[in-house]
Amino acid sequence: MEIQNKYVKRLVDEWLAHSRIILAVDFDSTLSPWPTIDNQEDIEKCIKLVKDCQTTGCYVVIFTACAPERYSEIKKYCS
């Protein structure tokens, strides 16, 4: 929990310092499960944090190195 609080504090501090913030979030194994990695609990926490940030005015950008053919799938999942 200590690590999570450190990053949440940094996020809030940056947000307050700049009035707005853009949150760039990876997709695979961060917002969506990846077949070879079991981290569902972390994914759920990340999704909740992103949703909380979004409801308070944060801009969210999905940052991914996947092929452009997956973009519509990613957009649908994130909707």
N, C-alpha and C. Protein backbone atom coordinates (compact mmCIF):
# COMPACT_ATOMS: atom_id res chain seq x y z
N MET A 1 0.82 -1.20 0.00
CA MET A 1 0.00 0.00 0.00
C MET A 1 0.87 1.26 0.00
N GLU A 2 2.01 1.17 0.62
CA GLU A 2 2.90 2.32 0.70
C GLU A 2 3.33 2.80 -0.69
N ILE A 3 3.66 1.86 -1.58
CA ILE A 3 4.07 2.23 -2.95
C ILE A 3 2.92 2.91 -3.67
N GLN A 4 1.73 2.35 -3.58
CA GLN A 4 0.57 2.93 -4.25
C GLN A 4 0.35 4.37 -3.77
N ASN A 5 0.44 4.60 -2.47
CA ASN A 5 0.24 5.94 -1.93
C ASN A 5 1.28 6.92 -2.45
N LYS A 6 2.51 6.46 -2.63
CA LYS A 6 3.58 7.30 -3.16
C LYS A 6 3.22 7.79 -4.56
N TYR A 7 2.70 6.92 -5.40
CA TYR A 7 2.37 7.31 -6.77
C TYR A 7 1.09 8.14 -6.83
N VAL A 8 0.15 7.83 -5.99
CA VAL A 8 -1.07 8.65 -5.93
C VAL A 8 -0.71 10.05 -5.46
N LYS A 9 0.15 10.16 -4.46
CA LYS A 9 0.58 11.48 -3.98
C LYS A 9 1.27 12.26 -5.09
N ARG A 10 2.13 11.61 -5.83
CA ARG A 10 2.82 12.30 -6.92
C ARG A 10 1.81 12.78 -7.96
N LEU A 11 0.87 11.94 -8.30
CA LEU A 11 -0.17 12.31 -9.28
C LEU A 11 -0.93 13.55 -8.81
N VAL A 12 -1.35 13.55 -7.56
CA VAL A 12 -2.10 14.69 -7.02
C VAL A 12 -1.22 15.95 -6.98
N ASP A 13 0.03 15.80 -6.56
CA ASP A 13 0.93 16.96 -6.50
C ASP A 13 1.14 17.57 -7.89
N GLU A 14 1.35 16.75 -8.89
CA GLU A 14 1.55 17.24 -10.26
C GLU A 14 0.28 17.92 -10.77
N TRP A 15 -0.85 17.32 -10.46
CA TRP A 15 -2.13 17.87 -10.90
C TRP A 15 -2.34 19.26 -10.30
N LEU A 16 -2.10 19.38 -9.02
CA LEU A 16 -2.27 20.67 -8.35
C LEU A 16 -1.30 21.71 -8.88
N ALA A 17 -0.09 21.30 -9.17
CA ALA A 17 0.93 22.23 -9.66
C ALA A 17 0.61 22.76 -11.06
N HIS A 18 -0.06 21.96 -11.87
CA HIS A 18 -0.29 22.34 -13.28
C HIS A 18 -1.76 22.59 -13.63
N SER A 19 -2.64 22.46 -12.68
CA SER A 19 -4.09 22.68 -12.85
C SER A 19 -4.78 21.63 -13.71
N ARG A 20 -4.09 21.02 -14.60
CA ARG A 20 -4.61 19.94 -15.44
C ARG A 20 -3.54 18.88 -15.57
N ILE A 21 -3.97 17.69 -15.91
CA ILE A 21 -2.98 16.64 -16.07
C ILE A 21 -3.44 15.67 -17.15
N ILE A 22 -2.47 15.15 -17.87
CA ILE A 22 -2.73 14.10 -18.85
C ILE A 22 -2.14 12.82 -18.28
N LEU A 23 -2.98 11.83 -18.17
CA LEU A 23 -2.56 10.55 -17.62
C LEU A 23 -2.39 9.58 -18.78
N ALA A 24 -1.16 9.16 -19.07
CA ALA A 24 -0.89 8.18 -20.13
C ALA A 24 -0.84 6.80 -19.49
N VAL A 25 -1.63 5.90 -20.01
CA VAL A 25 -1.76 4.58 -19.41
C VAL A 25 -1.52 3.51 -20.47
N ASP A 26 -0.66 2.56 -20.15
CA ASP A 26 -0.44 1.43 -21.05
C ASP A 26 -1.71 0.58 -21.07
N PHE A 27 -1.89 -0.19 -22.12
CA PHE A 27 -3.10 -1.00 -22.23
C PHE A 27 -2.88 -2.44 -21.77
N ASP A 28 -2.03 -3.18 -22.47
CA ASP A 28 -1.84 -4.60 -22.17
C ASP A 28 -1.17 -4.80 -20.82
N SER A 29 -1.83 -5.58 -19.99
CA SER A 29 -1.36 -5.93 -18.65
C SER A 29 -1.39 -4.74 -17.68
N THR A 30 -2.04 -3.65 -18.09
CA THR A 30 -2.24 -2.50 -17.20
C THR A 30 -3.74 -2.24 -17.06
N LEU A 31 -4.43 -2.13 -18.19
CA LEU A 31 -5.89 -1.97 -18.18
C LEU A 31 -6.59 -3.26 -18.59
N SER A 32 -5.90 -4.09 -19.34
CA SER A 32 -6.48 -5.32 -19.86
C SER A 32 -5.54 -6.48 -19.56
N PRO A 33 -6.09 -7.63 -19.18
CA PRO A 33 -5.22 -8.77 -18.89
C PRO A 33 -4.41 -9.20 -20.10
N TRP A 34 -3.21 -9.65 -19.85
CA TRP A 34 -2.35 -10.22 -20.88
C TRP A 34 -2.21 -11.70 -20.56
N PRO A 35 -2.35 -12.57 -21.57
CA PRO A 35 -2.42 -14.02 -21.30
C PRO A 35 -1.29 -14.60 -20.44
N THR A 36 -0.10 -14.06 -20.52
CA THR A 36 1.02 -14.67 -19.79
C THR A 36 1.29 -14.03 -18.43
N ILE A 37 0.51 -13.03 -18.07
CA ILE A 37 0.75 -12.34 -16.79
C ILE A 37 -0.53 -12.35 -15.97
N ASP A 38 -0.43 -12.80 -14.72
CA ASP A 38 -1.59 -12.85 -13.83
C ASP A 38 -1.50 -11.69 -12.83
N ASN A 39 -2.16 -10.60 -13.14
CA ASN A 39 -2.15 -9.45 -12.23
C ASN A 39 -3.51 -8.77 -12.19
N GLN A 40 -4.56 -9.57 -12.16
CA GLN A 40 -5.92 -9.04 -12.22
C GLN A 40 -6.20 -8.03 -11.12
N GLU A 41 -5.69 -8.25 -9.94
CA GLU A 41 -5.92 -7.30 -8.82
C GLU A 41 -5.30 -5.94 -9.14
N ASP A 42 -4.10 -5.93 -9.68
CA ASP A 42 -3.45 -4.67 -10.06
C ASP A 42 -4.21 -3.97 -11.18
N ILE A 43 -4.71 -4.74 -12.14
CA ILE A 43 -5.48 -4.18 -13.25
C ILE A 43 -6.74 -3.51 -12.72
N GLU A 44 -7.44 -4.16 -11.82
CA GLU A 44 -8.66 -3.59 -11.25
C GLU A 44 -8.37 -2.29 -10.50
N LYS A 45 -7.26 -2.25 -9.75
CA LYS A 45 -6.88 -1.03 -9.03
C LYS A 45 -6.56 0.10 -10.01
N CYS A 46 -5.86 -0.25 -11.08
CA CYS A 46 -5.48 0.75 -12.08
C CYS A 46 -6.71 1.32 -12.76
N ILE A 47 -7.64 0.46 -13.15
CA ILE A 47 -8.87 0.91 -13.80
C ILE A 47 -9.64 1.84 -12.87
N LYS A 48 -9.75 1.47 -11.60
CA LYS A 48 -10.47 2.32 -10.65
C LYS A 48 -9.79 3.68 -10.54
N LEU A 49 -8.47 3.70 -10.44
CA LEU A 49 -7.74 4.97 -10.34
C LEU A 49 -7.94 5.82 -11.58
N VAL A 50 -7.87 5.21 -12.75
CA VAL A 50 -8.06 5.96 -14.00
C VAL A 50 -9.47 6.53 -14.07
N LYS A 51 -10.46 5.74 -13.71
CA LYS A 51 -11.85 6.23 -13.71
C LYS A 51 -12.03 7.38 -12.72
N ASP A 52 -11.45 7.24 -11.53
CA ASP A 52 -11.55 8.31 -10.54
C ASP A 52 -10.91 9.60 -11.07
N CYS A 53 -9.74 9.47 -11.67
CA CYS A 53 -9.06 10.65 -12.24
C CYS A 53 -9.90 11.27 -13.35
N GLN A 54 -10.47 10.43 -14.19
CA GLN A 54 -11.26 10.91 -15.32
C GLN A 54 -12.50 11.68 -14.85
N THR A 55 -13.14 11.22 -13.80
CA THR A 55 -14.35 11.89 -13.32
C THR A 55 -14.05 13.26 -12.72
N THR A 56 -12.81 13.51 -12.37
CA THR A 56 -12.45 14.81 -11.81
C THR A 56 -11.74 15.70 -12.81
N GLY A 57 -11.78 15.33 -14.09
CA GLY A 57 -11.28 16.21 -15.14
C GLY A 57 -9.95 15.84 -15.75
N CYS A 58 -9.39 14.73 -15.37
CA CYS A 58 -8.11 14.30 -15.93
C CYS A 58 -8.29 13.84 -17.38
N TYR A 59 -7.34 14.20 -18.22
CA TYR A 59 -7.31 13.69 -19.58
C TYR A 59 -6.60 12.34 -19.57
N VAL A 60 -7.17 11.34 -20.20
CA VAL A 60 -6.57 10.02 -20.23
C VAL A 60 -6.18 9.67 -21.66
N VAL A 61 -4.94 9.25 -21.83
CA VAL A 61 -4.43 8.82 -23.12
C VAL A 61 -3.98 7.37 -22.97
N ILE A 62 -4.45 6.52 -23.88
CA ILE A 62 -3.99 5.14 -23.86
C ILE A 62 -2.71 5.08 -24.68
N PHE A 63 -1.63 4.72 -24.03
CA PHE A 63 -0.31 4.66 -24.65
C PHE A 63 0.03 3.19 -24.83
N THR A 64 0.17 2.76 -26.08
CA THR A 64 0.41 1.34 -26.32
C THR A 64 1.35 1.15 -27.51
N ALA A 65 2.07 0.06 -27.47
CA ALA A 65 2.98 -0.27 -28.57
C ALA A 65 2.37 -1.34 -29.48
N CYS A 66 1.10 -1.61 -29.30
CA CYS A 66 0.48 -2.67 -30.10
C CYS A 66 0.23 -2.19 -31.54
N ALA A 67 -0.14 -3.12 -32.37
CA ALA A 67 -0.40 -2.83 -33.78
C ALA A 67 -1.65 -1.98 -33.94
N PRO A 68 -1.65 -1.06 -34.90
CA PRO A 68 -2.82 -0.20 -35.14
C PRO A 68 -4.11 -0.98 -35.39
N GLU A 69 -4.00 -2.20 -35.85
CA GLU A 69 -5.20 -3.02 -36.09
C GLU A 69 -5.99 -3.27 -34.80
N ARG A 70 -5.34 -3.13 -33.66
CA ARG A 70 -6.01 -3.37 -32.38
C ARG A 70 -6.66 -2.12 -31.80
N TYR A 71 -6.45 -0.97 -32.41
CA TYR A 71 -6.94 0.29 -31.84
C TYR A 71 -8.45 0.29 -31.61
N SER A 72 -9.22 -0.22 -32.55
CA SER A 72 -10.68 -0.22 -32.36
C SER A 72 -11.07 -1.14 -31.20
N GLU A 73 -10.39 -2.27 -31.05
CA GLU A 73 -10.64 -3.18 -29.94
C GLU A 73 -10.32 -2.49 -28.60
N ILE A 74 -9.21 -1.75 -28.58
CA ILE A 74 -8.80 -1.04 -27.37
C ILE A 74 -9.80 0.06 -27.03
N LYS A 75 -10.22 0.80 -28.05
CA LYS A 75 -11.20 1.88 -27.83
C LYS A 75 -12.50 1.31 -27.27
N LYS A 76 -12.96 0.21 -27.84
CA LYS A 76 -14.19 -0.42 -27.38
C LYS A 76 -14.05 -0.90 -25.93
N TYR A 77 -12.93 -1.53 -25.61
CA TYR A 77 -12.69 -2.02 -24.26
C TYR A 77 -12.69 -0.88 -23.25
N CYS A 78 -12.06 0.22 -23.63
CA CYS A 78 -11.94 1.36 -22.70
C CYS A 78 -13.26 2.14 -22.56
N SER A 79 -14.12 2.01 -23.53
CA SER A 79 -15.41 2.69 -23.43
C SER A 79 -16.26 2.04 -22.37
